[in-house]
Amino acid sequence: MIIYSVMPMEAIMKNMDNVDYQYTETEVDGVQMVVEHYPQSAEAKIVRLLSPNPQDYLNPKFSPGQTIYFRPN
């Protein structure tokens, strides 16, 4: 990643180590994926797919950044 900025890198990267992501591996409609769970909600954002099927990657429903609704086990 390249960042073009007049701000010093220390100011841009400040507190980047303190971010606590809640990643969960789950399966939706037979597609294995990693999602970022939103606290206090039944929503999650797709981070990446783990499916070996190339057709799953072409499905816009499973593109990274999409919001899904599910109940974690």
PDB file of N, CA and C in Angstrom:
ATOM      1  N   MET A   1       0.845  -1.160   0.000  1.00  0.00           N
ATOM      2  CA  MET A   1       0.000   0.000   0.000  1.00  0.00           C
ATOM      3  C   MET A   1       0.898   1.234   0.000  1.00  0.00           C
ATOM      4  N   ILE A   2       0.559   2.182  -0.850  1.00  0.00           N
ATOM      5  CA  ILE A   2       1.292   3.437  -0.927  1.00  0.00           C
ATOM      6  C   ILE A   2       0.368   4.554  -0.473  1.00  0.00           C
ATOM      7  N   ILE A   3       0.855   5.356   0.458  1.00  0.00           N
ATOM      8  CA  ILE A   3       0.081   6.473   0.972  1.00  0.00           C
ATOM      9  C   ILE A   3       0.813   7.758   0.612  1.00  0.00           C
ATOM     10  N   TYR A   4       0.134   8.623  -0.139  1.00  0.00           N
ATOM     11  CA  TYR A   4       0.669   9.936  -0.468  1.00  0.00           C
ATOM     12  C   TYR A   4      -0.005  10.951   0.440  1.00  0.00           C
ATOM     13  N   SER A   5       0.766  11.530   1.349  1.00  0.00           N
ATOM     14  CA  SER A   5       0.190  12.472   2.304  1.00  0.00           C
ATOM     15  C   SER A   5       1.254  13.436   2.787  1.00  0.00           C
ATOM     16  N   VAL A   6       0.822  14.634   3.153  1.00  0.00           N
ATOM     17  CA  VAL A   6       1.741  15.604   3.739  1.00  0.00           C
ATOM     18  C   VAL A   6       1.867  15.383   5.247  1.00  0.00           C
ATOM     19  N   MET A   7       1.000  14.545   5.793  1.00  0.00           N
ATOM     20  CA  MET A   7       1.057  14.245   7.227  1.00  0.00           C
ATOM     21  C   MET A   7       2.170  13.236   7.489  1.00  0.00           C
ATOM     22  N   PRO A   8       2.814  13.312   8.645  1.00  0.00           N
ATOM     23  CA  PRO A   8       3.845  12.332   8.973  1.00  0.00           C
ATOM     24  C   PRO A   8       3.232  10.935   9.155  1.00  0.00           C
ATOM     25  N   MET A   9       4.001   9.913   8.815  1.00  0.00           N
ATOM     26  CA  MET A   9       3.522   8.530   8.911  1.00  0.00           C
ATOM     27  C   MET A   9       3.119   8.164  10.341  1.00  0.00           C
ATOM     28  N   GLU A  10       3.766   8.752  11.336  1.00  0.00           N
ATOM     29  CA  GLU A  10       3.417   8.463  12.727  1.00  0.00           C
ATOM     30  C   GLU A  10       1.981   8.889  13.033  1.00  0.00           C
ATOM     31  N   ALA A  11       1.547   9.996  12.445  1.00  0.00           N
ATOM     32  CA  ALA A  11       0.177  10.474  12.672  1.00  0.00           C
ATOM     33  C   ALA A  11      -0.839   9.611  11.933  1.00  0.00           C
ATOM     34  N   ILE A  12      -0.475   9.119  10.755  1.00  0.00           N
ATOM     35  CA  ILE A  12      -1.391   8.288   9.977  1.00  0.00           C
ATOM     36  C   ILE A  12      -1.549   6.913  10.604  1.00  0.00           C
ATOM     37  N   MET A  13      -0.446   6.332  11.036  1.00  0.00           N
ATOM     38  CA  MET A  13      -0.463   4.965  11.561  1.00  0.00           C
ATOM     39  C   MET A  13      -0.697   4.891  13.063  1.00  0.00           C
ATOM     40  N   LYS A  14      -0.986   6.018  13.684  1.00  0.00           N
ATOM     41  CA  LYS A  14      -1.188   6.062  15.136  1.00  0.00           C
ATOM     42  C   LYS A  14      -2.365   5.156  15.534  1.00  0.00           C
ATOM     43  N   ASN A  15      -2.181   4.324  16.529  1.00  0.00           N
ATOM     44  CA  ASN A  15      -3.188   3.416  17.081  1.00  0.00           C
ATOM     45  C   ASN A  15      -3.661   2.343  16.096  1.00  0.00           C
ATOM     46  N   MET A  16      -2.913   2.071  15.059  1.00  0.00           N
ATOM     47  CA  MET A  16      -3.294   1.015  14.118  1.00  0.00           C
ATOM     48  C   MET A  16      -3.168  -0.363  14.769  1.00  0.00           C
ATOM     49  N   ASP A  17      -2.299  -0.500  15.762  1.00  0.00           N
ATOM     50  CA  ASP A  17      -2.108  -1.783  16.437  1.00  0.00           C
ATOM     51  C   ASP A  17      -3.238  -2.092  17.413  1.00  0.00           C
ATOM     52  N   ASN A  18      -4.006  -1.095  17.805  1.00  0.00           N
ATOM     53  CA  ASN A  18      -5.037  -1.274  18.823  1.00  0.00           C
ATOM     54  C   ASN A  18      -6.395  -1.655  18.264  1.00  0.00           C
ATOM     55  N   VAL A  19      -6.503  -1.866  16.962  1.00  0.00           N
ATOM     56  CA  VAL A  19      -7.779  -2.215  16.347  1.00  0.00           C
ATOM     57  C   VAL A  19      -8.079  -3.684  16.641  1.00  0.00           C
ATOM     58  N   ASP A  20      -9.275  -3.954  17.150  1.00  0.00           N
ATOM     59  CA  ASP A  20      -9.662  -5.317  17.510  1.00  0.00           C
ATOM     60  C   ASP A  20     -10.766  -5.788  16.568  1.00  0.00           C
ATOM     61  N   TYR A  21     -10.377  -6.566  15.570  1.00  0.00           N
ATOM     62  CA  TYR A  21     -11.350  -7.099  14.631  1.00  0.00           C
ATOM     63  C   TYR A  21     -11.920  -8.399  15.181  1.00  0.00           C
ATOM     64  N   GLN A  22     -13.189  -8.642  14.940  1.00  0.00           N
ATOM     65  CA  GLN A  22     -13.836  -9.873  15.380  1.00  0.00           C
ATOM     66  C   GLN A  22     -14.170 -10.703  14.147  1.00  0.00           C
ATOM     67  N   TYR A  23     -13.165 -11.423  13.643  1.00  0.00           N
ATOM     68  CA  TYR A  23     -13.351 -12.249  12.464  1.00  0.00           C
ATOM     69  C   TYR A  23     -13.915 -13.608  12.866  1.00  0.00           C
ATOM     70  N   THR A  24     -14.847 -14.097  12.065  1.00  0.00           N
ATOM     71  CA  THR A  24     -15.463 -15.395  12.294  1.00  0.00           C
ATOM     72  C   THR A  24     -15.515 -16.132  10.975  1.00  0.00           C
ATOM     73  N   GLU A  25     -15.211 -17.411  11.025  1.00  0.00           N
ATOM     74  CA  GLU A  25     -15.342 -18.251   9.845  1.00  0.00           C
ATOM     75  C   GLU A  25     -16.732 -18.865   9.863  1.00  0.00           C
ATOM     76  N   THR A  26     -17.468 -18.727   8.763  1.00  0.00           N
ATOM     77  CA  THR A  26     -18.842 -19.213   8.715  1.00  0.00           C
ATOM     78  C   THR A  26     -19.169 -19.711   7.314  1.00  0.00           C
ATOM     79  N   GLU A  27     -20.317 -20.338   7.200  1.00  0.00           N
ATOM     80  CA  GLU A  27     -20.782 -20.842   5.917  1.00  0.00           C
ATOM     81  C   GLU A  27     -22.177 -20.274   5.644  1.00  0.00           C
ATOM     82  N   VAL A  28     -22.341 -19.655   4.475  1.00  0.00           N
ATOM     83  CA  VAL A  28     -23.616 -19.079   4.067  1.00  0.00           C
ATOM     84  C   VAL A  28     -23.966 -19.644   2.702  1.00  0.00           C
ATOM     85  N   ASP A  29     -25.127 -20.269   2.583  1.00  0.00           N
ATOM     86  CA  ASP A  29     -25.578 -20.885   1.332  1.00  0.00           C
ATOM     87  C   ASP A  29     -24.536 -21.832   0.748  1.00  0.00           C
ATOM     88  N   GLY A  30     -23.836 -22.558   1.600  1.00  0.00           N
ATOM     89  CA  GLY A  30     -22.854 -23.541   1.160  1.00  0.00           C
ATOM     90  C   GLY A  30     -21.508 -22.954   0.794  1.00  0.00           C
ATOM     91  N   VAL A  31     -21.294 -21.675   1.046  1.00  0.00           N
ATOM     92  CA  VAL A  31     -20.029 -21.011   0.717  1.00  0.00           C
ATOM     93  C   VAL A  31     -19.302 -20.667   2.012  1.00  0.00           C
ATOM     94  N   GLN A  32     -18.096 -21.193   2.158  1.00  0.00           N
ATOM     95  CA  GLN A  32     -17.275 -20.928   3.343  1.00  0.00           C
ATOM     96  C   GLN A  32     -16.621 -19.556   3.192  1.00  0.00           C
ATOM     97  N   MET A  33     -16.691 -18.721   4.257  1.00  0.00           N
ATOM     98  CA  MET A  33     -16.145 -17.372   4.190  1.00  0.00           C
ATOM     99  C   MET A  33     -15.703 -16.889   5.559  1.00  0.00           C
ATOM    100  N   VAL A  34     -14.913 -15.816   5.567  1.00  0.00           N
ATOM    101  CA  VAL A  34     -14.496 -15.136   6.784  1.00  0.00           C
ATOM    102  C   VAL A  34     -15.266 -13.825   6.828  1.00  0.00           C
ATOM    103  N   VAL A  35     -15.913 -13.558   7.960  1.00  0.00           N
ATOM    104  CA  VAL A  35     -16.710 -12.349   8.107  1.00  0.00           C
ATOM    105  C   VAL A  35     -16.245 -11.572   9.335  1.00  0.00           C
ATOM    106  N   GLU A  36     -16.476 -10.267   9.299  1.00  0.00           N
ATOM    107  CA  GLU A  36     -16.216  -9.413  10.454  1.00  0.00           C
ATOM    108  C   GLU A  36     -17.551  -9.139  11.119  1.00  0.00           C
ATOM    109  N   HIS A  37     -17.716  -9.645  12.323  1.00  0.00           N
ATOM    110  CA  HIS A  37     -18.987  -9.542  13.035  1.00  0.00           C
ATOM    111  C   HIS A  37     -19.114  -8.173  13.666  1.00  0.00           C
ATOM    112  N   TYR A  38     -20.274  -7.544  13.465  1.00  0.00           N
ATOM    113  CA  TYR A  38     -20.570  -6.271  14.108  1.00  0.00           C
ATOM    114  C   TYR A  38     -21.106  -6.544  15.508  1.00  0.00           C
ATOM    115  N   PRO A  39     -20.550  -5.887  16.529  1.00  0.00           N
ATOM    116  CA  PRO A  39     -21.044  -6.111  17.894  1.00  0.00           C
ATOM    117  C   PRO A  39     -22.509  -5.689  18.050  1.00  0.00           C
ATOM    118  N   GLN A  40     -23.227  -6.411  18.858  1.00  0.00           N
ATOM    119  CA  GLN A  40     -24.629  -6.123  19.187  1.00  0.00           C
ATOM    120  C   GLN A  40     -25.537  -6.143  17.955  1.00  0.00           C
ATOM    121  N   SER A  41     -25.210  -6.983  16.980  1.00  0.00           N
ATOM    122  CA  SER A  41     -26.007  -7.028  15.766  1.00  0.00           C
ATOM    123  C   SER A  41     -25.925  -8.423  15.151  1.00  0.00           C
ATOM    124  N   ALA A  42     -26.896  -8.752  14.311  1.00  0.00           N
ATOM    125  CA  ALA A  42     -26.871 -10.015  13.577  1.00  0.00           C
ATOM    126  C   ALA A  42     -26.288  -9.815  12.189  1.00  0.00           C
ATOM    127  N   GLU A  43     -25.599  -8.692  11.980  1.00  0.00           N
ATOM    128  CA  GLU A  43     -24.983  -8.399  10.695  1.00  0.00           C
ATOM    129  C   GLU A  43     -23.493  -8.687  10.741  1.00  0.00           C
ATOM    130  N   ALA A  44     -22.948  -8.970   9.567  1.00  0.00           N
ATOM    131  CA  ALA A  44     -21.515  -9.164   9.433  1.00  0.00           C
ATOM    132  C   ALA A  44     -21.102  -8.731   8.037  1.00  0.00           C
ATOM    133  N   LYS A  45     -19.850  -8.296   7.908  1.00  0.00           N
ATOM    134  CA  LYS A  45     -19.314  -7.877   6.623  1.00  0.00           C
ATOM    135  C   LYS A  45     -18.399  -8.971   6.104  1.00  0.00           C
ATOM    136  N   ILE A  46     -18.556  -9.349   4.848  1.00  0.00           N
ATOM    137  CA  ILE A  46     -17.711 -10.378   4.244  1.00  0.00           C
ATOM    138  C   ILE A  46     -16.312  -9.812   4.065  1.00  0.00           C
ATOM    139  N   VAL A  47     -15.318 -10.543   4.593  1.00  0.00           N
ATOM    140  CA  VAL A  47     -13.927 -10.134   4.472  1.00  0.00           C
ATOM    141  C   VAL A  47     -13.271 -10.879   3.317  1.00  0.00           C
ATOM    142  N   ARG A  48     -13.464 -12.210   3.263  1.00  0.00           N
ATOM    143  CA  ARG A  48     -12.910 -12.987   2.162  1.00  0.00           C
ATOM    144  C   ARG A  48     -13.622 -14.321   2.059  1.00  0.00           C
ATOM    145  N   LEU A  49     -13.548 -14.909   0.879  1.00  0.00           N
ATOM    146  CA  LEU A  49     -14.136 -16.226   0.645  1.00  0.00           C
ATOM    147  C   LEU A  49     -13.066 -17.289   0.790  1.00  0.00           C
ATOM    148  N   LEU A  50     -13.481 -18.458   1.249  1.00  0.00           N
ATOM    149  CA  LEU A  50     -12.581 -19.595   1.395  1.00  0.00           C
ATOM    150  C   LEU A  50     -13.011 -20.751   0.504  1.00  0.00           C
ATOM    151  N   SER A  51     -13.864 -20.489  -0.445  1.00  0.00           N
ATOM    152  CA  SER A  51     -14.449 -21.520  -1.288  1.00  0.00           C
ATOM    153  C   SER A  51     -13.480 -21.935  -2.400  1.00  0.00           C
ATOM    154  N   PRO A  52     -13.413 -23.224  -2.706  1.00  0.00           N
ATOM    155  CA  PRO A  52     -12.599 -23.669  -3.842  1.00  0.00           C
ATOM    156  C   PRO A  52     -13.324 -23.538  -5.186  1.00  0.00           C
ATOM    157  N   ASN A  53     -14.600 -23.187  -5.156  1.00  0.00           N
ATOM    158  CA  ASN A  53     -15.406 -23.078  -6.369  1.00  0.00           C
ATOM    159  C   ASN A  53     -15.235 -21.689  -6.984  1.00  0.00           C
ATOM    160  N   PRO A  54     -14.709 -21.580  -8.220  1.00  0.00           N
ATOM    161  CA  PRO A  54     -14.519 -20.264  -8.840  1.00  0.00           C
ATOM    162  C   PRO A  54     -15.829 -19.515  -9.083  1.00  0.00           C
ATOM    163  N   GLN A  55     -16.942 -20.217  -9.227  1.00  0.00           N
ATOM    164  CA  GLN A  55     -18.222 -19.563  -9.463  1.00  0.00           C
ATOM    165  C   GLN A  55     -18.670 -18.741  -8.251  1.00  0.00           C
ATOM    166  N   ASP A  56     -18.260 -19.135  -7.058  1.00  0.00           N
ATOM    167  CA  ASP A  56     -18.619 -18.380  -5.854  1.00  0.00           C
ATOM    168  C   ASP A  56     -17.996 -16.992  -5.860  1.00  0.00           C
ATOM    169  N   TYR A  57     -16.800 -16.867  -6.446  1.00  0.00           N
ATOM    170  CA  TYR A  57     -16.114 -15.573  -6.489  1.00  0.00           C
ATOM    171  C   TYR A  57     -16.758 -14.629  -7.503  1.00  0.00           C
ATOM    172  N   LEU A  58     -17.487 -15.179  -8.468  1.00  0.00           N
ATOM    173  CA  LEU A  58     -18.165 -14.356  -9.469  1.00  0.00           C
ATOM    174  C   LEU A  58     -19.551 -13.905  -9.014  1.00  0.00           C
ATOM    175  N   ASN A  59     -20.052 -14.462  -7.931  1.00  0.00           N
ATOM    176  CA  ASN A  59     -21.369 -14.120  -7.424  1.00  0.00           C
ATOM    177  C   ASN A  59     -21.288 -12.788  -6.664  1.00  0.00           C
ATOM    178  N   PRO A  60     -21.982 -11.736  -7.151  1.00  0.00           N
ATOM    179  CA  PRO A  60     -21.895 -10.439  -6.463  1.00  0.00           C
ATOM    180  C   PRO A  60     -22.456 -10.462  -5.042  1.00  0.00           C
ATOM    181  N   LYS A  61     -23.273 -11.443  -4.737  1.00  0.00           N
ATOM    182  CA  LYS A  61     -23.833 -11.578  -3.384  1.00  0.00           C
ATOM    183  C   LYS A  61     -22.744 -11.866  -2.353  1.00  0.00           C
ATOM    184  N   PHE A  62     -21.633 -12.487  -2.797  1.00  0.00           N
ATOM    185  CA  PHE A  62     -20.556 -12.867  -1.883  1.00  0.00           C
ATOM    186  C   PHE A  62     -19.302 -12.022  -2.062  1.00  0.00           C
ATOM    187  N   SER A  63     -19.410 -10.857  -2.666  1.00  0.00           N
ATOM    188  CA  SER A  63     -18.216 -10.035  -2.855  1.00  0.00           C
ATOM    189  C   SER A  63     -17.799  -9.414  -1.520  1.00  0.00           C
ATOM    190  N   PRO A  64     -16.492  -9.271  -1.286  1.00  0.00           N
ATOM    191  CA  PRO A  64     -16.020  -8.674  -0.041  1.00  0.00           C
ATOM    192  C   PRO A  64     -16.591  -7.274   0.162  1.00  0.00           C
ATOM    193  N   GLY A  65     -17.000  -7.006   1.384  1.00  0.00           N
ATOM    194  CA  GLY A  65     -17.613  -5.730   1.723  1.00  0.00           C
ATOM    195  C   GLY A  65     -19.124  -5.801   1.813  1.00  0.00           C
ATOM    196  N   GLN A  66     -19.729  -6.863   1.276  1.00  0.00           N
ATOM    197  CA  GLN A  66     -21.176  -7.019   1.350  1.00  0.00           C
ATOM    198  C   GLN A  66     -21.577  -7.347   2.787  1.00  0.00           C
ATOM    199  N   THR A  67     -22.734  -6.882   3.179  1.00  0.00           N
ATOM    200  CA  THR A  67     -23.265  -7.163   4.509  1.00  0.00           C
ATOM    201  C   THR A  67     -24.199  -8.356   4.431  1.00  0.00           C
ATOM    202  N   ILE A  68     -24.009  -9.305   5.346  1.00  0.00           N
ATOM    203  CA  ILE A  68     -24.886 -10.470   5.426  1.00  0.00           C
ATOM    204  C   ILE A  68     -25.522 -10.483   6.806  1.00  0.00           C
ATOM    205  N   TYR A  69     -26.621 -11.190   6.910  1.00  0.00           N
ATOM    206  CA  TYR A  69     -27.325 -11.342   8.184  1.00  0.00           C
ATOM    207  C   TYR A  69     -27.255 -12.814   8.561  1.00  0.00           C
ATOM    208  N   PHE A  70     -26.816 -13.089   9.769  1.00  0.00           N
ATOM    209  CA  PHE A  70     -26.695 -14.483  10.194  1.00  0.00           C
ATOM    210  C   PHE A  70     -26.712 -14.564  11.713  1.00  0.00           C
ATOM    211  N   ARG A  71     -26.849 -15.768  12.185  1.00  0.00           N
ATOM    212  CA  ARG A  71     -26.739 -16.047  13.630  1.00  0.00           C
ATOM    213  C   ARG A  71     -25.508 -16.902  13.850  1.00  0.00           C
ATOM    214  N   PRO A  72     -24.505 -16.383  14.574  1.00  0.00           N
ATOM    215  CA  PRO A  72     -23.319 -17.194  14.852  1.00  0.00           C
ATOM    216  C   PRO A  72     -23.683 -18.385  15.730  1.00  0.00           C
ATOM    217  N   ASN A  73     -22.980 -19.483  15.515  1.00  0.00           N
ATOM    218  CA  ASN A  73     -23.230 -20.700  16.308  1.00  0.00           C
ATOM    219  C   ASN A  73     -22.658 -20.579  17.695  1.00  0.00           C
TER     220      ASN A  73
END
